[in-house]
Amino acid sequence: MLYSARNLKKTYNGRTVLDIPELSIEKEKIYALLGPNGSGKTTLLHILSFILTPSTGALFYNDKPVQFLEKALQLLRKEVVLVDQHPILFSTSVHKNVEFGLKMRDIAKKDRRRITEESLDLVGMRDFEWAAAAHLSGGETQRVAIARALACRPKVILFDEPTASVDVENQIAIENIIQSIHRERKISVIVCTHNMLQASKLAEETLFLFEGRPTSSIYENIFGGKVIMKGGRSYCAIDDKFLIPVKTDQTGFIKISIHPKSIKFASSPKNDASSVFYDGRISQLSEEKGWIRILVNIGIPLSVFMKKKEFDLFGTGIGQNVTVKCSDYGVEIIGSETMPG
C-alpha cells in the first residue's frame, strides 16, 4: 500500500480541519481528491507530501510508519513531490528552474542537462528552455513546475488544482501530461480538483472529503443562499437571481447541494409548481460508464448527470442551449451560511 492512515487529524486553534478515521491509497494509480472549498483537501495533500505534520494519528508510507522528524522527512520528500496550484519559479531561466532540484541532490552536470531536457520534453516546454521564467503564462508556469518535479525522479506526484488557473489549451495539455507520466513512468498520482469532469477523465480511484472527513460520495452543485417563501413554497435564493425549491422549515441563510441526477433537461417549461426551469448552455461533456456528465451554465454552473440513452434523445452538444429543470427532491440542505457582509 502506498499510503495508509488511521485516526489522522489536523487541528488549528482548537478547530479540526481534517479528521480521517481510515485511509488507503494503492501504488501506481491515479487518484482524484474531490470536495468543496474548506473540505480539507489541501491539508491532506500537505500531510501526504510530508510538508505538514498531523496533530494526531498514524500515517504509513509504503507500509512503514512515517516518523515526523526532519531527518526522516527529508528522505521521504525525495520520493514524493507536491505541485502547487500557484507554483513559484525563480527569476532565472526555465532550464535553471528545472535543474535546481538536481543540483541540490549533487547530480553531475552532464546528467543534469540530460534530465532537464528530458523533463521539458515530457511537458512540451523544450522550446522555452532558455526563456525567462518570469515571462511565462500561468499554464506555461504550471508545466515548468511539473517538469521540475519530474526531474527529481519522484515515485509520487501530488497535484493541487493543477488546471484551476490556466486556459483551456494548457488544461488539456496538463491533463495529457498527467496521464503520460503515470503511464510511461509508473508514477503514483493524486490530483486534487473541483472539476468532476477532469476527475472522471483522469482518475482510476476517487477520494471524497466533506468538512474534513471522508465520505462515500461528494456533494455537488453546492450553493449558498437565503430561504424565502413564494407561492406557499420555500426556495433558496442564490445571488438574488436563482430560486431553487427546498423542503425546509429553516429561515435565514443556508448551504444546499443539488444532486446532479435530479436535474433534468426539458423541451420547454411546463406547469410544474414543484420545479423551476432555467435556460442555459452546455459548456462541457464527458462519458462515465454509460452516463453523461454535463456542465450547464445557467448564469451559475450546474453539473448534470444522466444516462447516455436519455442524453442522446435530446441530440444536443457543447455550445448548444438547453432548458434545465430542478425539483426539490434533489436538493439537500448541508449547512447554514453566515450572513454576507
C-alpha atoms as a PDB file:
ATOM      1  CA  MET A   1       0.000   0.000   0.000  1.00  0.00           C
ATOM      2  CA  LEU A   2       1.390   3.420  -0.943  1.00  0.00           C
ATOM      3  CA  TYR A   3      -0.339   5.323   1.869  1.00  0.00           C
ATOM      4  CA  SER A   4      -2.488   4.216   4.758  1.00  0.00           C
ATOM      5  CA  ALA A   5      -3.677   6.199   7.739  1.00  0.00           C
ATOM      6  CA  ARG A   6      -5.559   5.665  10.978  1.00  0.00           C
ATOM      7  CA  ASN A   7      -7.310   8.314  13.062  1.00  0.00           C
ATOM      8  CA  LEU A   8      -5.472  11.077  11.218  1.00  0.00           C
ATOM      9  CA  LYS A   9      -6.420  14.554  12.460  1.00  0.00           C
ATOM     10  CA  LYS A  10      -5.236  18.109  11.944  1.00  0.00           C
ATOM     11  CA  THR A  11      -6.424  20.932  14.154  1.00  0.00           C
ATOM     12  CA  TYR A  12      -5.784  24.669  14.145  1.00  0.00           C
ATOM     13  CA  ASN A  13      -6.564  26.732  17.252  1.00  0.00           C
ATOM     14  CA  GLY A  14      -8.880  24.026  18.512  1.00  0.00           C
ATOM     15  CA  ARG A  15     -10.717  23.668  15.188  1.00  0.00           C
ATOM     16  CA  THR A  16     -10.480  20.285  13.446  1.00  0.00           C
ATOM     17  CA  VAL A  17      -9.958  20.759   9.701  1.00  0.00           C
ATOM     18  CA  LEU A  18      -9.143  17.135   8.899  1.00  0.00           C
ATOM     19  CA  ASP A  19     -10.499  14.003  10.570  1.00  0.00           C
ATOM     20  CA  ILE A  20      -9.796  10.745   8.728  1.00  0.00           C
ATOM     21  CA  PRO A  21     -10.533   7.517  10.647  1.00  0.00           C
ATOM     22  CA  GLU A  22      -9.043   5.354   7.893  1.00  0.00           C
ATOM     23  CA  LEU A  23      -7.411   5.852   4.502  1.00  0.00           C
ATOM     24  CA  SER A  24      -5.830   3.516   1.926  1.00  0.00           C
ATOM     25  CA  ILE A  25      -4.135   4.556  -1.324  1.00  0.00           C
ATOM     26  CA  GLU A  26      -2.610   1.983  -3.664  1.00  0.00           C
ATOM     27  CA  LYS A  27       0.614   2.289  -5.643  1.00  0.00           C
ATOM     28  CA  GLU A  28       0.873   3.215  -9.334  1.00  0.00           C
ATOM     29  CA  LYS A  29      -2.660   4.551  -9.670  1.00  0.00           C
ATOM     30  CA  ILE A  30      -4.162   7.957 -10.376  1.00  0.00           C
ATOM     31  CA  TYR A  31      -6.443   9.152  -7.599  1.00  0.00           C
ATOM     32  CA  ALA A  32      -8.685  12.197  -7.704  1.00  0.00           C
ATOM     33  CA  LEU A  33      -9.230  14.074  -4.451  1.00  0.00           C
ATOM     34  CA  LEU A  34     -12.564  15.900  -4.524  1.00  0.00           C
ATOM     35  CA  GLY A  35     -14.548  18.110  -2.203  1.00  0.00           C
ATOM     36  CA  PRO A  36     -15.835  21.684  -1.821  1.00  0.00           C
ATOM     37  CA  ASN A  37     -13.711  24.575  -0.574  1.00  0.00           C
ATOM     38  CA  GLY A  38     -12.746  24.105   3.050  1.00  0.00           C
ATOM     39  CA  SER A  39     -13.146  20.331   2.977  1.00  0.00           C
ATOM     40  CA  GLY A  40      -9.508  19.682   3.936  1.00  0.00           C
ATOM     41  CA  LYS A  41      -8.136  18.639   0.538  1.00  0.00           C
ATOM     42  CA  THR A  42      -5.027  20.842   0.576  1.00  0.00           C
ATOM     43  CA  THR A  43      -4.346  19.969   4.216  1.00  0.00           C
ATOM     44  CA  LEU A  44      -4.396  16.272   3.326  1.00  0.00           C
ATOM     45  CA  LEU A  45      -2.068  16.830   0.350  1.00  0.00           C
ATOM     46  CA  HIS A  46       0.396  18.680   2.579  1.00  0.00           C
ATOM     47  CA  ILE A  47       0.400  15.810   5.073  1.00  0.00           C
ATOM     48  CA  LEU A  48       0.827  13.199   2.311  1.00  0.00           C
ATOM     49  CA  SER A  49       3.737  15.198   0.867  1.00  0.00           C
ATOM     50  CA  PHE A  50       5.354  15.377   4.342  1.00  0.00           C
ATOM     51  CA  ILE A  51       5.173  19.169   4.465  1.00  0.00           C
ATOM     52  CA  LEU A  52       2.637  19.286   7.291  1.00  0.00           C
ATOM     53  CA  THR A  53       2.595  17.232  10.479  1.00  0.00           C
ATOM     54  CA  PRO A  54      -0.756  15.777  11.603  1.00  0.00           C
ATOM     55  CA  SER A  55      -1.957  16.702  15.081  1.00  0.00           C
ATOM     56  CA  THR A  56      -2.767  13.088  15.958  1.00  0.00           C
ATOM     57  CA  GLY A  57      -2.972   9.696  14.285  1.00  0.00           C
ATOM     58  CA  ALA A  58      -0.697   7.421  12.289  1.00  0.00           C
ATOM     59  CA  LEU A  59       0.393   7.719   8.666  1.00  0.00           C
ATOM     60  CA  PHE A  60       2.119   4.894   6.773  1.00  0.00           C
ATOM     61  CA  TYR A  61       4.085   5.249   3.540  1.00  0.00           C
ATOM     62  CA  ASN A  62       4.987   2.061   1.673  1.00  0.00           C
ATOM     63  CA  ASP A  63       3.664   0.153   4.692  1.00  0.00           C
ATOM     64  CA  LYS A  64       6.142   1.826   7.033  1.00  0.00           C
ATOM     65  CA  PRO A  65       5.133   4.291   9.762  1.00  0.00           C
ATOM     66  CA  VAL A  66       6.080   7.883   8.981  1.00  0.00           C
ATOM     67  CA  GLN A  67       8.272   9.490  11.634  1.00  0.00           C
ATOM     68  CA  PHE A  68       7.593  13.209  11.505  1.00  0.00           C
ATOM     69  CA  LEU A  69      11.174  14.121  12.274  1.00  0.00           C
ATOM     70  CA  GLU A  70      13.065  16.414   9.920  1.00  0.00           C
ATOM     71  CA  LYS A  71      15.833  13.953   9.031  1.00  0.00           C
ATOM     72  CA  ALA A  72      13.352  11.196   8.154  1.00  0.00           C
ATOM     73  CA  LEU A  73      11.087  13.588   6.253  1.00  0.00           C
ATOM     74  CA  GLN A  74      13.933  14.849   4.070  1.00  0.00           C
ATOM     75  CA  LEU A  75      14.426  11.331   2.732  1.00  0.00           C
ATOM     76  CA  LEU A  76      10.699  10.893   2.054  1.00  0.00           C
ATOM     77  CA  ARG A  77      10.478  14.246   0.260  1.00  0.00           C
ATOM     78  CA  LYS A  78      12.906  12.912  -2.327  1.00  0.00           C
ATOM     79  CA  GLU A  79      10.268  10.375  -3.345  1.00  0.00           C
ATOM     80  CA  VAL A  80       7.127  12.497  -3.021  1.00  0.00           C
ATOM     81  CA  VAL A  81       6.697  15.871  -4.746  1.00  0.00           C
ATOM     82  CA  LEU A  82       3.840  18.370  -4.490  1.00  0.00           C
ATOM     83  CA  VAL A  83       2.995  20.669  -7.412  1.00  0.00           C
ATOM     84  CA  ASP A  84       1.092  23.655  -6.032  1.00  0.00           C
ATOM     85  CA  GLN A  85      -1.830  25.401  -7.679  1.00  0.00           C
ATOM     86  CA  HIS A  86       0.255  28.587  -7.969  1.00  0.00           C
ATOM     87  CA  PRO A  87       3.874  27.379  -8.272  1.00  0.00           C
ATOM     88  CA  ILE A  88       6.677  29.855  -7.667  1.00  0.00           C
ATOM     89  CA  LEU A  89       9.582  29.863 -10.118  1.00  0.00           C
ATOM     90  CA  PHE A  90      12.948  31.518  -9.628  1.00  0.00           C
ATOM     91  CA  SER A  91      13.630  34.693 -11.634  1.00  0.00           C
ATOM     92  CA  THR A  92      16.053  32.863 -13.900  1.00  0.00           C
ATOM     93  CA  SER A  93      15.729  30.701 -16.995  1.00  0.00           C
ATOM     94  CA  VAL A  94      13.357  27.776 -17.332  1.00  0.00           C
ATOM     95  CA  HIS A  95      16.399  25.487 -17.558  1.00  0.00           C
ATOM     96  CA  LYS A  96      17.808  26.647 -14.230  1.00  0.00           C
ATOM     97  CA  ASN A  97      14.443  26.242 -12.534  1.00  0.00           C
ATOM     98  CA  VAL A  98      14.135  22.628 -13.626  1.00  0.00           C
ATOM     99  CA  GLU A  99      17.806  21.919 -12.900  1.00  0.00           C
ATOM    100  CA  PHE A 100      17.708  23.331  -9.367  1.00  0.00           C
ATOM    101  CA  GLY A 101      16.498  20.201  -7.588  1.00  0.00           C
ATOM    102  CA  LEU A 102      19.136  18.125  -9.352  1.00  0.00           C
ATOM    103  CA  LYS A 103      21.906  20.436  -8.181  1.00  0.00           C
ATOM    104  CA  MET A 104      20.603  20.138  -4.622  1.00  0.00           C
ATOM    105  CA  ARG A 105      20.897  16.356  -4.990  1.00  0.00           C
ATOM    106  CA  ASP A 106      24.503  16.651  -6.241  1.00  0.00           C
ATOM    107  CA  ILE A 107      23.702  15.189  -9.674  1.00  0.00           C
ATOM    108  CA  ALA A 108      26.616  15.532 -12.130  1.00  0.00           C
ATOM    109  CA  LYS A 109      26.386  18.475 -14.553  1.00  0.00           C
ATOM    110  CA  LYS A 110      26.177  16.337 -17.722  1.00  0.00           C
ATOM    111  CA  ASP A 111      23.387  14.285 -16.197  1.00  0.00           C
ATOM    112  CA  ARG A 112      21.578  17.424 -15.037  1.00  0.00           C
ATOM    113  CA  ARG A 113      21.486  18.736 -18.593  1.00  0.00           C
ATOM    114  CA  ARG A 114      20.107  15.476 -19.974  1.00  0.00           C
ATOM    115  CA  ILE A 115      17.474  15.059 -17.257  1.00  0.00           C
ATOM    116  CA  THR A 116      16.376  18.695 -17.557  1.00  0.00           C
ATOM    117  CA  GLU A 117      15.903  18.401 -21.312  1.00  0.00           C
ATOM    118  CA  GLU A 118      14.027  15.104 -20.965  1.00  0.00           C
ATOM    119  CA  SER A 119      11.708  16.623 -18.366  1.00  0.00           C
ATOM    120  CA  LEU A 120      10.970  19.671 -20.510  1.00  0.00           C
ATOM    121  CA  ASP A 121      10.267  17.398 -23.464  1.00  0.00           C
ATOM    122  CA  LEU A 122       7.701  15.496 -21.400  1.00  0.00           C
ATOM    123  CA  VAL A 123       5.720  18.677 -20.685  1.00  0.00           C
ATOM    124  CA  GLY A 124       6.151  20.218 -24.149  1.00  0.00           C
ATOM    125  CA  MET A 125       8.316  23.105 -22.919  1.00  0.00           C
ATOM    126  CA  ARG A 126      11.684  22.319 -24.527  1.00  0.00           C
ATOM    127  CA  ASP A 127      11.410  25.364 -26.817  1.00  0.00           C
ATOM    128  CA  PHE A 128      11.237  27.538 -23.697  1.00  0.00           C
ATOM    129  CA  GLU A 129      14.346  26.068 -22.076  1.00  0.00           C
ATOM    130  CA  TRP A 130      16.326  29.327 -22.031  1.00  0.00           C
ATOM    131  CA  ALA A 131      13.363  31.669 -21.736  1.00  0.00           C
ATOM    132  CA  ALA A 132      12.936  33.844 -18.644  1.00  0.00           C
ATOM    133  CA  ALA A 133      10.602  32.033 -16.264  1.00  0.00           C
ATOM    134  CA  ALA A 134       9.126  35.352 -15.122  1.00  0.00           C
ATOM    135  CA  HIS A 135       7.638  35.912 -18.599  1.00  0.00           C
ATOM    136  CA  LEU A 136       5.708  32.643 -18.816  1.00  0.00           C
ATOM    137  CA  SER A 137       1.929  32.411 -18.808  1.00  0.00           C
ATOM    138  CA  GLY A 138       0.094  30.677 -15.964  1.00  0.00           C
ATOM    139  CA  GLY A 139      -0.269  27.459 -17.948  1.00  0.00           C
ATOM    140  CA  GLU A 140       3.381  27.502 -19.038  1.00  0.00           C
ATOM    141  CA  THR A 141       4.473  28.107 -15.453  1.00  0.00           C
ATOM    142  CA  GLN A 142       2.441  25.116 -14.304  1.00  0.00           C
ATOM    143  CA  ARG A 143       4.041  22.901 -16.964  1.00  0.00           C
ATOM    144  CA  VAL A 144       7.549  24.014 -15.952  1.00  0.00           C
ATOM    145  CA  ALA A 145       6.676  23.244 -12.329  1.00  0.00           C
ATOM    146  CA  ILE A 146       5.673  19.733 -13.408  1.00  0.00           C
ATOM    147  CA  ALA A 147       8.959  19.364 -15.311  1.00  0.00           C
ATOM    148  CA  ARG A 148      10.826  20.495 -12.197  1.00  0.00           C
ATOM    149  CA  ALA A 149       9.025  17.827 -10.194  1.00  0.00           C
ATOM    150  CA  LEU A 150       9.668  15.138 -12.817  1.00  0.00           C
ATOM    151  CA  ALA A 151      13.383  15.947 -12.944  1.00  0.00           C
ATOM    152  CA  CYS A 152      13.708  14.742  -9.353  1.00  0.00           C
ATOM    153  CA  ARG A 153      12.540  11.261 -10.411  1.00  0.00           C
ATOM    154  CA  PRO A 154       9.787  11.022  -7.781  1.00  0.00           C
ATOM    155  CA  LYS A 155       7.746   7.920  -7.096  1.00  0.00           C
ATOM    156  CA  VAL A 156       4.684  10.004  -6.205  1.00  0.00           C
ATOM    157  CA  ILE A 157       3.425  13.367  -7.532  1.00  0.00           C
ATOM    158  CA  LEU A 158       0.616  15.243  -5.823  1.00  0.00           C
ATOM    159  CA  PHE A 159      -1.178  17.981  -7.769  1.00  0.00           C
ATOM    160  CA  ASP A 160      -3.171  20.716  -6.037  1.00  0.00           C
ATOM    161  CA  GLU A 161      -5.747  22.067  -8.539  1.00  0.00           C
ATOM    162  CA  PRO A 162      -3.259  21.887 -11.452  1.00  0.00           C
ATOM    163  CA  THR A 163      -5.595  23.445 -14.043  1.00  0.00           C
ATOM    164  CA  ALA A 164      -7.661  25.832 -11.923  1.00  0.00           C
ATOM    165  CA  SER A 165      -5.912  28.965 -13.193  1.00  0.00           C
ATOM    166  CA  VAL A 166      -4.955  28.047 -16.758  1.00  0.00           C
ATOM    167  CA  ASP A 167      -6.572  28.405 -20.170  1.00  0.00           C
ATOM    168  CA  VAL A 168      -8.308  25.558 -21.978  1.00  0.00           C
ATOM    169  CA  GLU A 169      -5.306  24.740 -24.182  1.00  0.00           C
ATOM    170  CA  ASN A 170      -2.988  24.329 -21.202  1.00  0.00           C
ATOM    171  CA  GLN A 171      -5.670  22.477 -19.230  1.00  0.00           C
ATOM    172  CA  ILE A 172      -5.817  19.814 -21.928  1.00  0.00           C
ATOM    173  CA  ALA A 173      -2.020  19.716 -22.142  1.00  0.00           C
ATOM    174  CA  ILE A 174      -1.640  19.276 -18.371  1.00  0.00           C
ATOM    175  CA  GLU A 175      -4.240  16.513 -18.251  1.00  0.00           C
ATOM    176  CA  ASN A 176      -2.388  14.704 -21.047  1.00  0.00           C
ATOM    177  CA  ILE A 177       0.916  15.179 -19.196  1.00  0.00           C
ATOM    178  CA  ILE A 178      -0.520  13.641 -16.027  1.00  0.00           C
ATOM    179  CA  GLN A 179      -1.769  10.617 -17.959  1.00  0.00           C
ATOM    180  CA  SER A 180       1.534  10.305 -19.818  1.00  0.00           C
ATOM    181  CA  ILE A 181       3.836  10.391 -16.778  1.00  0.00           C
ATOM    182  CA  HIS A 182       1.649   7.875 -14.992  1.00  0.00           C
ATOM    183  CA  ARG A 183       1.600   5.547 -17.979  1.00  0.00           C
ATOM    184  CA  GLU A 184       5.257   5.849 -19.007  1.00  0.00           C
ATOM    185  CA  ARG A 185       6.964   6.246 -15.646  1.00  0.00           C
ATOM    186  CA  LYS A 186       4.552   4.316 -13.414  1.00  0.00           C
ATOM    187  CA  ILE A 187       4.403   7.301 -11.070  1.00  0.00           C
ATOM    188  CA  SER A 188       1.637   7.260  -8.465  1.00  0.00           C
ATOM    189  CA  VAL A 189      -0.508  10.391  -8.822  1.00  0.00           C
ATOM    190  CA  ILE A 190      -3.049  12.188  -6.620  1.00  0.00           C
ATOM    191  CA  VAL A 191      -4.883  15.089  -8.256  1.00  0.00           C
ATOM    192  CA  CYS A 192      -6.843  17.495  -6.078  1.00  0.00           C
ATOM    193  CA  THR A 193      -9.572  19.093  -8.201  1.00  0.00           C
ATOM    194  CA  HIS A 194     -13.021  20.686  -8.103  1.00  0.00           C
ATOM    195  CA  ASN A 195     -13.625  19.516 -11.655  1.00  0.00           C
ATOM    196  CA  MET A 196     -15.724  16.333 -11.703  1.00  0.00           C
ATOM    197  CA  LEU A 197     -15.238  16.045 -15.457  1.00  0.00           C
ATOM    198  CA  GLN A 198     -11.485  16.155 -15.025  1.00  0.00           C
ATOM    199  CA  ALA A 199     -11.622  13.596 -12.226  1.00  0.00           C
ATOM    200  CA  SER A 200     -13.649  11.177 -14.334  1.00  0.00           C
ATOM    201  CA  LYS A 201     -11.212  11.580 -17.220  1.00  0.00           C
ATOM    202  CA  LEU A 202      -8.016  11.087 -15.230  1.00  0.00           C
ATOM    203  CA  ALA A 203      -8.645   9.009 -12.149  1.00  0.00           C
ATOM    204  CA  GLU A 204      -8.864   5.288 -11.565  1.00  0.00           C
ATOM    205  CA  GLU A 205      -9.992   5.860  -7.985  1.00  0.00           C
ATOM    206  CA  THR A 206     -11.699   8.792  -6.283  1.00  0.00           C
ATOM    207  CA  LEU A 207     -11.437  10.117  -2.739  1.00  0.00           C
ATOM    208  CA  PHE A 208     -14.129  12.435  -1.397  1.00  0.00           C
ATOM    209  CA  LEU A 209     -13.794  14.850   1.504  1.00  0.00           C
ATOM    210  CA  PHE A 210     -16.532  16.932   3.094  1.00  0.00           C
ATOM    211  CA  GLU A 211     -15.916  19.130   6.130  1.00  0.00           C
ATOM    212  CA  GLY A 212     -12.622  17.357   6.705  1.00  0.00           C
ATOM    213  CA  ARG A 213     -14.000  13.828   6.699  1.00  0.00           C
ATOM    214  CA  PRO A 214     -14.099  11.113   4.023  1.00  0.00           C
ATOM    215  CA  THR A 215     -17.500  10.494   2.509  1.00  0.00           C
ATOM    216  CA  SER A 216     -18.753   7.776   0.174  1.00  0.00           C
ATOM    217  CA  SER A 217     -19.983  10.364  -2.324  1.00  0.00           C
ATOM    218  CA  ILE A 218     -19.373  14.020  -2.905  1.00  0.00           C
ATOM    219  CA  TYR A 219     -21.886  16.781  -2.622  1.00  0.00           C
ATOM    220  CA  GLU A 220     -22.161  18.613  -5.920  1.00  0.00           C
ATOM    221  CA  ASN A 221     -23.749  21.836  -7.117  1.00  0.00           C
ATOM    222  CA  ILE A 222     -23.109  23.465  -3.753  1.00  0.00           C
ATOM    223  CA  PHE A 223     -24.582  26.944  -3.334  1.00  0.00           C
ATOM    224  CA  GLY A 224     -25.366  29.327  -0.509  1.00  0.00           C
ATOM    225  CA  GLY A 225     -28.487  31.456  -0.359  1.00  0.00           C
ATOM    226  CA  LYS A 226     -31.332  32.808   1.713  1.00  0.00           C
ATOM    227  CA  VAL A 227     -34.564  30.913   2.366  1.00  0.00           C
ATOM    228  CA  ILE A 228     -37.581  32.800   1.048  1.00  0.00           C
ATOM    229  CA  MET A 229     -41.268  31.973   0.696  1.00  0.00           C
ATOM    230  CA  LYS A 230     -43.060  32.362  -2.616  1.00  0.00           C
ATOM    231  CA  GLY A 231     -46.477  30.997  -3.539  1.00  0.00           C
ATOM    232  CA  GLY A 232     -46.600  28.992  -0.334  1.00  0.00           C
ATOM    233  CA  ARG A 233     -43.306  27.177  -1.100  1.00  0.00           C
ATOM    234  CA  SER A 234     -39.779  27.533   0.244  1.00  0.00           C
ATOM    235  CA  TYR A 235     -36.907  28.449  -2.051  1.00  0.00           C
ATOM    236  CA  CYS A 236     -33.200  29.062  -1.656  1.00  0.00           C
ATOM    237  CA  ALA A 237     -32.477  32.385  -3.354  1.00  0.00           C
ATOM    238  CA  ILE A 238     -28.972  32.283  -4.883  1.00  0.00           C
ATOM    239  CA  ASP A 239     -27.425  35.640  -5.835  1.00  0.00           C
ATOM    240  CA  ASP A 240     -30.960  37.103  -5.871  1.00  0.00           C
ATOM    241  CA  LYS A 241     -31.337  35.623  -9.389  1.00  0.00           C
ATOM    242  CA  PHE A 242     -31.993  31.931  -8.976  1.00  0.00           C
ATOM    243  CA  LEU A 243     -34.708  30.329  -6.872  1.00  0.00           C
ATOM    244  CA  ILE A 244     -34.125  26.670  -6.054  1.00  0.00           C
ATOM    245  CA  PRO A 245     -37.049  24.823  -4.370  1.00  0.00           C
ATOM    246  CA  VAL A 246     -36.209  23.307  -0.979  1.00  0.00           C
ATOM    247  CA  LYS A 247     -38.122  21.362   1.623  1.00  0.00           C
ATOM    248  CA  THR A 248     -37.346  23.167   4.863  1.00  0.00           C
ATOM    249  CA  ASP A 249     -38.758  24.991   7.833  1.00  0.00           C
ATOM    250  CA  GLN A 250     -35.475  26.826   8.314  1.00  0.00           C
ATOM    251  CA  THR A 251     -35.068  30.545   7.840  1.00  0.00           C
ATOM    252  CA  GLY A 252     -32.052  32.673   7.056  1.00  0.00           C
ATOM    253  CA  PHE A 253     -29.016  31.667   5.049  1.00  0.00           C
ATOM    254  CA  ILE A 254     -28.377  28.019   4.160  1.00  0.00           C
ATOM    255  CA  LYS A 255     -25.993  25.930   2.076  1.00  0.00           C
ATOM    256  CA  ILE A 256     -27.568  23.473  -0.363  1.00  0.00           C
ATOM    257  CA  SER A 257     -26.421  20.678  -2.654  1.00  0.00           C
ATOM    258  CA  ILE A 258     -28.366  19.836  -5.813  1.00  0.00           C
ATOM    259  CA  HIS A 259     -27.875  16.207  -6.829  1.00  0.00           C
ATOM    260  CA  PRO A 260     -26.733  16.123 -10.487  1.00  0.00           C
ATOM    261  CA  LYS A 261     -29.008  13.178 -11.312  1.00  0.00           C
ATOM    262  CA  SER A 262     -32.048  15.140 -10.151  1.00  0.00           C
ATOM    263  CA  ILE A 263     -31.531  17.894 -12.726  1.00  0.00           C
ATOM    264  CA  LYS A 264     -33.341  17.123 -15.978  1.00  0.00           C
ATOM    265  CA  PHE A 265     -33.476  18.564 -19.467  1.00  0.00           C
ATOM    266  CA  ALA A 266     -36.876  19.877 -20.543  1.00  0.00           C
ATOM    267  CA  SER A 267     -38.131  20.552 -24.062  1.00  0.00           C
ATOM    268  CA  SER A 268     -39.901  23.629 -22.712  1.00  0.00           C
ATOM    269  CA  PRO A 269     -41.004  24.913 -19.297  1.00  0.00           C
ATOM    270  CA  LYS A 270     -44.074  23.084 -18.018  1.00  0.00           C
ATOM    271  CA  ASN A 271     -46.717  23.760 -15.441  1.00  0.00           C
ATOM    272  CA  ASP A 272     -44.925  22.115 -12.527  1.00  0.00           C
ATOM    273  CA  ALA A 273     -45.188  24.015  -9.265  1.00  0.00           C
ATOM    274  CA  SER A 274     -42.621  21.780  -7.547  1.00  0.00           C
ATOM    275  CA  SER A 275     -39.878  22.608 -10.064  1.00  0.00           C
ATOM    276  CA  VAL A 276     -38.052  25.570 -11.567  1.00  0.00           C
ATOM    277  CA  PHE A 277     -36.791  25.916 -15.131  1.00  0.00           C
ATOM    278  CA  TYR A 278     -33.737  27.793 -16.354  1.00  0.00           C
ATOM    279  CA  ASP A 279     -32.218  28.266 -19.790  1.00  0.00           C
ATOM    280  CA  GLY A 280     -28.518  27.584 -20.143  1.00  0.00           C
ATOM    281  CA  ARG A 281     -25.730  26.477 -22.435  1.00  0.00           C
ATOM    282  CA  ILE A 282     -23.695  23.248 -22.373  1.00  0.00           C
ATOM    283  CA  SER A 283     -20.011  24.019 -21.761  1.00  0.00           C
ATOM    284  CA  GLN A 284     -18.506  20.565 -21.039  1.00  0.00           C
ATOM    285  CA  LEU A 285     -19.337  16.911 -21.650  1.00  0.00           C
ATOM    286  CA  SER A 286     -17.767  13.621 -20.587  1.00  0.00           C
ATOM    287  CA  GLU A 287     -18.869   9.989 -20.592  1.00  0.00           C
ATOM    288  CA  GLU A 288     -18.655   7.784 -17.488  1.00  0.00           C
ATOM    289  CA  LYS A 289     -19.639   4.122 -17.964  1.00  0.00           C
ATOM    290  CA  GLY A 290     -22.902   4.684 -19.781  1.00  0.00           C
ATOM    291  CA  TRP A 291     -23.614   8.007 -18.095  1.00  0.00           C
ATOM    292  CA  ILE A 292     -23.003  11.504 -19.434  1.00  0.00           C
ATOM    293  CA  ARG A 293     -21.784  14.292 -17.164  1.00  0.00           C
ATOM    294  CA  ILE A 294     -22.826  17.687 -18.485  1.00  0.00           C
ATOM    295  CA  LEU A 295     -21.785  21.124 -17.255  1.00  0.00           C
ATOM    296  CA  VAL A 296     -24.556  23.630 -17.998  1.00  0.00           C
ATOM    297  CA  ASN A 297     -24.040  27.355 -17.485  1.00  0.00           C
ATOM    298  CA  ILE A 298     -27.331  28.988 -16.484  1.00  0.00           C
ATOM    299  CA  GLY A 299     -25.563  32.009 -15.003  1.00  0.00           C
ATOM    300  CA  ILE A 300     -24.205  29.661 -12.354  1.00  0.00           C
ATOM    301  CA  PRO A 301     -22.577  26.329 -13.305  1.00  0.00           C
ATOM    302  CA  LEU A 302     -24.735  23.235 -12.862  1.00  0.00           C
ATOM    303  CA  SER A 303     -23.370  19.688 -13.088  1.00  0.00           C
ATOM    304  CA  VAL A 304     -25.943  17.326 -14.618  1.00  0.00           C
ATOM    305  CA  PHE A 305     -25.654  13.531 -14.730  1.00  0.00           C
ATOM    306  CA  MET A 306     -27.901  11.459 -17.000  1.00  0.00           C
ATOM    307  CA  LYS A 307     -27.986   8.131 -18.801  1.00  0.00           C
ATOM    308  CA  LYS A 308     -26.378   8.221 -22.235  1.00  0.00           C
ATOM    309  CA  LYS A 309     -29.582   6.929 -23.863  1.00  0.00           C
ATOM    310  CA  GLU A 310     -31.543   9.749 -22.264  1.00  0.00           C
ATOM    311  CA  PHE A 311     -28.970  12.357 -23.296  1.00  0.00           C
ATOM    312  CA  ASP A 312     -28.895  11.079 -26.898  1.00  0.00           C
ATOM    313  CA  LEU A 313     -32.640  11.686 -27.230  1.00  0.00           C
ATOM    314  CA  PHE A 314     -32.034  15.438 -26.998  1.00  0.00           C
ATOM    315  CA  GLY A 315     -29.435  15.413 -29.810  1.00  0.00           C
ATOM    316  CA  THR A 316     -27.506  18.252 -28.235  1.00  0.00           C
ATOM    317  CA  GLY A 317     -23.817  19.017 -27.676  1.00  0.00           C
ATOM    318  CA  ILE A 318     -21.255  21.512 -26.423  1.00  0.00           C
ATOM    319  CA  GLY A 319     -22.241  25.121 -27.054  1.00  0.00           C
ATOM    320  CA  GLN A 320     -25.926  24.372 -27.541  1.00  0.00           C
ATOM    321  CA  ASN A 321     -28.756  25.820 -25.475  1.00  0.00           C
ATOM    322  CA  VAL A 322     -30.869  23.675 -23.164  1.00  0.00           C
ATOM    323  CA  THR A 323     -33.566  24.152 -20.539  1.00  0.00           C
ATOM    324  CA  VAL A 324     -32.918  22.500 -17.184  1.00  0.00           C
ATOM    325  CA  LYS A 325     -35.481  21.517 -14.569  1.00  0.00           C
ATOM    326  CA  CYS A 326     -34.675  21.453 -10.834  1.00  0.00           C
ATOM    327  CA  SER A 327     -37.012  19.744  -8.373  1.00  0.00           C
ATOM    328  CA  ASP A 328     -36.950  19.982  -4.602  1.00  0.00           C
ATOM    329  CA  TYR A 329     -36.491  16.218  -4.178  1.00  0.00           C
ATOM    330  CA  GLY A 330     -32.912  16.528  -5.438  1.00  0.00           C
ATOM    331  CA  VAL A 331     -31.975  19.389  -3.110  1.00  0.00           C
ATOM    332  CA  GLU A 332     -30.319  18.699   0.237  1.00  0.00           C
ATOM    333  CA  ILE A 333     -29.541  21.254   2.932  1.00  0.00           C
ATOM    334  CA  ILE A 334     -25.967  20.598   4.057  1.00  0.00           C
ATOM    335  CA  GLY A 335     -25.389  23.506   6.399  1.00  0.00           C
ATOM    336  CA  SER A 336     -26.128  27.033   7.464  1.00  0.00           C
ATOM    337  CA  GLU A 337     -24.429  30.033   5.934  1.00  0.00           C
ATOM    338  CA  THR A 338     -23.108  33.088   7.713  1.00  0.00           C
ATOM    339  CA  MET A 339     -24.982  36.149   6.558  1.00  0.00           C
ATOM    340  CA  PRO A 340     -22.933  38.010   3.925  1.00  0.00           C
ATOM    341  CA  GLY A 341     -21.443  41.416   4.668  1.00  0.00           C
END
